[in-house]
């Protein structure tokens, strides 16, 4: 009891002393009011990446021959269809001439066979020629016409090989180092390309993400997918830390 009475007395004495010293009550404490509201937050991630060409083509000859001429400057831009190499065409020009002659011969034989079939048909109508003779004439006519088609196909193949003596660019891009010089012997489908063309506008950037994030995305499935209409803009930082002028899109 004595301890309790003593405590009350000390408290009361302190209160009385405070009133005698200042007279006024202390001001209320300051209160900060914050209003909460919902807003979109952009999630960003910084990942290492490697820039690669959006398309790449290795030039290889489709016919055998000697390189007669190189028609491009290394490192220059080329357009689809631009001539790049010329292979000696003389062998293929001779093959075209031979195919043209074979076609002309086949056409002449076909014309003769058609005329013979017509003549035999007229004789058959007058009961002069036999049925077997007529059938033989018709078969010879059909065979001659088939020979014409075969000769036309051979001529077309010869012209294709002749066209391939001029190697052209299969796409737009920048052509690299020439791997073959003038005078070199090249073969169809060889392992070493004559040059490589790369399309660098636009380019692709392959980025690397951590395995832990990949596993989490696979487990969460649709929950971690970007919502429809989300901004998928990608910016690049070069090796020295400066931003690249152009932006890309996340695919």
Protein backbone atom coordinates (compact mmCIF):
# COMPACT_ATOMS: atom_id res chain seq x y z
CA UNK A 1 0.00 0.00 0.00
CA UNK A 2 2.75 2.42 0.86
CA UNK A 3 4.33 1.82 -2.52
CA UNK A 4 1.04 2.55 -4.31
CA UNK A 5 0.35 5.77 -2.41
CA UNK A 6 3.86 6.93 -3.08
CA UNK A 7 3.46 6.35 -6.82
CA UNK A 8 0.24 8.36 -6.99
CA UNK A 9 1.79 11.17 -5.08
CA UNK A 10 4.77 11.41 -7.40
CA UNK A 11 2.52 11.42 -10.52
CA UNK A 12 0.31 14.09 -9.08
CA UNK A 13 3.31 16.13 -8.14
CA UNK A 14 4.72 15.90 -11.64
CA UNK A 15 1.43 17.01 -13.17
CA UNK A 16 1.19 19.93 -10.84
CA UNK A 17 4.75 20.97 -11.61
CA UNK A 18 4.04 20.85 -15.36
CA UNK A 19 1.04 23.13 -15.01
CA UNK A 20 3.00 25.53 -12.87
CA UNK A 21 5.93 25.61 -15.36
CA UNK A 22 4.15 26.07 -18.71
CA UNK A 23 0.55 26.53 -18.00
CA UNK A 24 -0.54 25.28 -21.53
CA UNK A 25 -1.21 21.70 -22.70
CA UNK A 26 1.18 20.21 -25.39
CA UNK A 27 -0.01 20.46 -29.06
CA UNK A 28 -1.57 17.39 -30.68
CA UNK A 29 0.87 15.19 -32.61
CA UNK A 30 1.19 15.72 -36.40
CA UNK A 31 -0.66 13.17 -38.55
CA UNK A 32 0.12 12.41 -42.22
CA UNK A 33 -2.83 11.35 -44.39
CA UNK A 34 -2.13 9.18 -47.47
CA UNK A 35 -4.80 8.42 -50.11
CA UNK A 36 -4.35 5.03 -51.80
CA UNK A 37 -5.28 4.46 -55.41
CA UNK A 38 -4.72 1.67 -57.92
CA UNK A 39 -2.38 2.22 -60.88
CA UNK A 40 -0.51 0.12 -63.45
CA UNK A 41 3.12 -0.70 -62.72
CA UNK A 42 5.49 -1.57 -65.56
CA UNK A 43 7.46 -4.73 -64.91
CA UNK A 44 10.90 -4.69 -66.48
CA UNK A 45 13.70 -7.21 -66.72
CA UNK A 46 17.29 -6.77 -67.87
CA UNK A 47 18.58 -9.80 -69.73
CA UNK A 48 21.74 -10.55 -71.73
CA UNK A 49 21.13 -10.99 -75.44
CA UNK A 50 22.79 -11.77 -78.74
CA UNK A 51 21.95 -10.01 -81.99
CA UNK A 52 21.50 -12.31 -84.99
CA UNK A 53 20.42 -11.73 -88.57
CA UNK A 54 16.73 -12.15 -89.28
CA UNK A 55 17.60 -14.20 -92.38
CA UNK A 56 20.75 -15.85 -93.68
CA UNK A 57 21.62 -17.54 -96.96
CA UNK A 58 24.78 -19.42 -97.90
CA UNK A 59 25.64 -19.18 -101.58
CA UNK A 60 26.52 -22.53 -103.14
CA UNK A 61 26.82 -23.36 -106.84
CA UNK A 62 24.20 -25.61 -108.41
CA UNK A 63 26.34 -26.52 -111.40
CA UNK A 64 29.99 -27.47 -111.87
CA UNK A 65 32.49 -25.13 -113.46
CA UNK A 66 35.20 -22.51 -113.20
CA UNK A 67 34.47 -19.16 -111.54
CA UNK A 68 34.97 -16.57 -114.28
CA UNK A 69 33.97 -13.41 -112.41
CA UNK A 70 33.00 -12.08 -108.98
CA UNK A 71 30.45 -9.28 -109.26
CA UNK A 72 30.18 -7.86 -105.72
CA UNK A 73 32.19 -5.99 -103.12
CA UNK A 74 32.62 -7.74 -99.80
CA UNK A 75 30.52 -6.15 -97.06
CA UNK A 76 28.19 -4.37 -99.50
CA UNK A 77 24.41 -4.48 -99.59
CA UNK A 78 22.84 -6.66 -102.26
CA UNK A 79 19.29 -7.03 -103.49
CA UNK A 80 17.44 -10.21 -104.34
CA UNK A 81 18.30 -11.24 -107.89
CA UNK A 82 21.59 -9.33 -108.11
CA UNK A 83 24.28 -11.34 -109.98
CA UNK A 84 27.16 -12.27 -107.67
CA UNK A 85 29.26 -14.89 -109.48
CA UNK A 86 29.57 -16.08 -113.05
CA UNK A 87 30.59 -19.65 -113.88
CA UNK A 88 32.04 -20.54 -117.30
CA UNK A 89 28.84 -21.08 -119.35
CA UNK A 90 30.26 -22.61 -122.54
CA UNK A 91 29.56 -26.23 -121.64
CA UNK A 92 25.97 -25.38 -120.73
CA UNK A 93 25.44 -23.26 -123.83
CA UNK A 94 26.47 -26.31 -125.88
CA UNK A 95 24.01 -28.45 -123.93
CA UNK A 96 21.23 -25.97 -124.72
CA UNK A 97 22.11 -26.02 -128.42
CA UNK A 98 22.09 -29.81 -128.41
CA UNK A 99 18.70 -29.88 -126.65
CA UNK A 100 17.27 -27.41 -129.16
CA UNK A 101 18.42 -29.61 -132.03
CA UNK A 102 16.92 -32.70 -130.40
CA UNK A 103 13.64 -30.85 -129.97
CA UNK A 104 13.58 -29.76 -133.60
CA UNK A 105 14.22 -33.33 -134.71
CA UNK A 106 11.46 -34.65 -132.44
CA UNK A 107 9.02 -32.05 -133.73
CA UNK A 108 9.79 -33.00 -137.34
CA UNK A 109 9.25 -36.69 -136.62
CA UNK A 110 6.02 -35.90 -134.79
CA UNK A 111 4.75 -33.89 -137.74
CA UNK A 112 5.54 -36.78 -140.10
CA UNK A 113 3.84 -39.27 -137.77
CA UNK A 114 0.68 -37.14 -137.56
CA UNK A 115 0.57 -36.86 -141.34
CA UNK A 116 1.02 -40.60 -141.72
CA UNK A 117 -1.73 -41.32 -139.19
CA UNK A 118 -4.09 -39.01 -141.05
CA UNK A 119 -3.29 -40.64 -144.40
CA UNK A 120 -3.79 -44.15 -143.02
CA UNK A 121 -7.06 -43.07 -141.44
CA UNK A 122 -8.33 -41.88 -144.82
CA UNK A 123 -7.28 -45.16 -146.41
CA UNK A 124 -9.04 -47.06 -143.66
CA UNK A 125 -12.23 -45.13 -144.35
CA UNK A 126 -12.03 -46.33 -147.98
CA UNK A 127 -11.37 -49.87 -146.82
CA UNK A 128 -7.89 -49.77 -148.36
CA UNK A 129 -5.80 -50.00 -145.18
CA UNK A 130 -6.24 -52.56 -142.46
CA UNK A 131 -7.19 -51.88 -138.86
CA UNK A 132 -3.76 -53.01 -137.72
CA UNK A 133 -2.07 -50.54 -140.05
CA UNK A 134 -4.19 -47.72 -138.69
CA UNK A 135 -3.46 -48.68 -135.10
CA UNK A 136 0.27 -48.82 -135.80
CA UNK A 137 0.17 -45.34 -137.37
CA UNK A 138 -1.72 -43.93 -134.39
CA UNK A 139 0.77 -45.50 -131.94
CA UNK A 140 3.71 -44.06 -133.91
CA UNK A 141 2.06 -40.63 -133.86
CA UNK A 142 1.51 -40.75 -130.08
CA UNK A 143 5.08 -41.92 -129.49
CA UNK A 144 6.44 -39.07 -131.61
CA UNK A 145 4.38 -36.51 -129.70
CA UNK A 146 5.65 -37.95 -126.42
CA UNK A 147 9.21 -37.63 -127.73
CA UNK A 148 8.54 -33.95 -128.40
CA UNK A 149 7.50 -33.42 -124.79
CA UNK A 150 10.60 -35.24 -123.57
CA UNK A 151 12.81 -33.07 -125.78
CA UNK A 152 11.08 -29.95 -124.48
CA UNK A 153 11.80 -31.06 -120.90
CA UNK A 154 15.45 -31.66 -121.75
CA UNK A 155 15.71 -28.21 -123.29
CA UNK A 156 14.12 -26.68 -120.20
CA UNK A 157 16.61 -28.50 -117.94
CA UNK A 158 19.51 -27.34 -120.10
CA UNK A 159 18.30 -23.73 -119.91
CA UNK A 160 17.99 -24.02 -116.12
CA UNK A 161 21.59 -25.23 -115.84
CA UNK A 162 22.71 -22.39 -118.11
CA UNK A 163 20.87 -19.85 -115.95
CA UNK A 164 22.58 -21.30 -112.86
CA UNK A 165 25.98 -20.35 -114.24
CA UNK A 166 25.07 -16.88 -112.97
CA UNK A 167 24.73 -17.11 -109.19
CA UNK A 168 22.30 -14.48 -107.89
CA UNK A 169 21.35 -13.22 -104.44
CA UNK A 170 18.41 -15.17 -102.99
CA UNK A 171 17.48 -12.35 -100.57
CA UNK A 172 18.22 -8.75 -99.61
CA UNK A 173 21.05 -8.21 -97.14
CA UNK A 174 24.74 -7.63 -96.56
CA UNK A 175 27.16 -10.04 -98.21
CA UNK A 176 30.23 -11.13 -96.30
CA UNK A 177 33.67 -12.35 -97.28
CA UNK A 178 34.15 -14.12 -100.58
CA UNK A 179 35.31 -17.68 -99.92
CA UNK A 180 36.12 -18.38 -103.59
CA UNK A 181 38.34 -16.47 -105.98
CA UNK A 182 38.26 -16.10 -109.74
CA UNK A 183 39.56 -19.21 -111.50
CA UNK A 184 38.49 -21.64 -108.77
CA UNK A 185 36.72 -24.88 -109.66
CA UNK A 186 33.37 -25.22 -107.91
CA UNK A 187 30.97 -28.14 -107.78
CA UNK A 188 27.23 -28.37 -107.35
CA UNK A 189 26.19 -28.49 -103.69
CA UNK A 190 29.72 -28.22 -102.32
CA UNK A 191 30.19 -28.00 -98.56
CA UNK A 192 31.99 -24.63 -98.54
CA UNK A 193 29.76 -21.66 -99.40
CA UNK A 194 30.95 -19.07 -101.87
CA UNK A 195 29.74 -16.30 -99.53
CA UNK A 196 27.06 -15.65 -96.92
CA UNK A 197 24.28 -13.04 -97.13
CA UNK A 198 22.67 -11.81 -93.91
CA UNK A 199 19.56 -9.67 -93.56
CA UNK A 200 20.25 -7.15 -90.78
CA UNK A 201 17.22 -4.92 -91.14
CA UNK A 202 15.37 -6.03 -89.14
CA UNK A 203 17.45 -8.14 -86.75
CA UNK A 204 16.51 -10.63 -84.05
CA UNK A 205 17.82 -10.53 -80.48
CA UNK A 206 17.95 -13.83 -78.62
CA UNK A 207 17.91 -13.25 -74.86
CA UNK A 208 18.76 -15.64 -72.03
CA UNK A 209 16.50 -16.02 -69.00
CA UNK A 210 17.34 -17.87 -65.78
CA UNK A 211 16.30 -21.51 -65.47
CA UNK A 212 14.43 -20.71 -62.24
CA UNK A 213 12.16 -18.24 -64.04
CA UNK A 214 11.53 -20.69 -66.86
CA UNK A 215 10.52 -23.41 -64.37
CA UNK A 216 8.24 -20.97 -62.54
CA UNK A 217 6.54 -19.92 -65.77
CA UNK A 218 6.01 -23.53 -66.74
CA UNK A 219 4.44 -24.30 -63.37
CA UNK A 220 2.25 -21.21 -63.22
CA UNK A 221 1.09 -21.55 -66.79
CA UNK A 222 -1.52 -18.96 -67.80
CA UNK A 223 -1.08 -16.96 -64.57
CA UNK A 224 2.31 -15.69 -65.76
CA UNK A 225 1.24 -14.94 -69.32
CA UNK A 226 1.21 -11.33 -70.47
CA UNK A 227 -2.33 -9.94 -70.55
CA UNK A 228 -3.92 -9.08 -73.87
CA UNK A 229 -2.88 -5.66 -75.09
CA UNK A 230 0.17 -5.48 -72.80
CA UNK A 231 3.04 -3.31 -73.95
CA UNK A 232 5.73 -5.64 -75.31
CA UNK A 233 8.26 -2.99 -76.27
CA UNK A 234 11.90 -3.96 -75.85
CA UNK A 235 14.82 -1.56 -75.64
CA UNK A 236 18.47 -2.48 -76.13
CA UNK A 237 21.53 -1.38 -74.22
CA UNK A 238 24.77 -1.72 -76.14
CA UNK A 239 27.94 -3.19 -74.66
CA UNK A 240 29.09 0.24 -73.46
CA UNK A 241 25.77 0.88 -71.70
CA UNK A 242 24.34 3.37 -74.19
CA UNK A 243 20.75 2.79 -75.39
CA UNK A 244 20.16 1.72 -78.99
CA UNK A 245 18.12 4.16 -81.06
CA UNK A 246 15.49 1.65 -82.21
CA UNK A 247 13.09 -0.42 -80.13
CA UNK A 248 11.85 -3.96 -80.70
CA UNK A 249 8.89 -6.15 -79.82
CA UNK A 250 8.89 -9.15 -77.48
CA UNK A 251 7.92 -12.37 -79.22
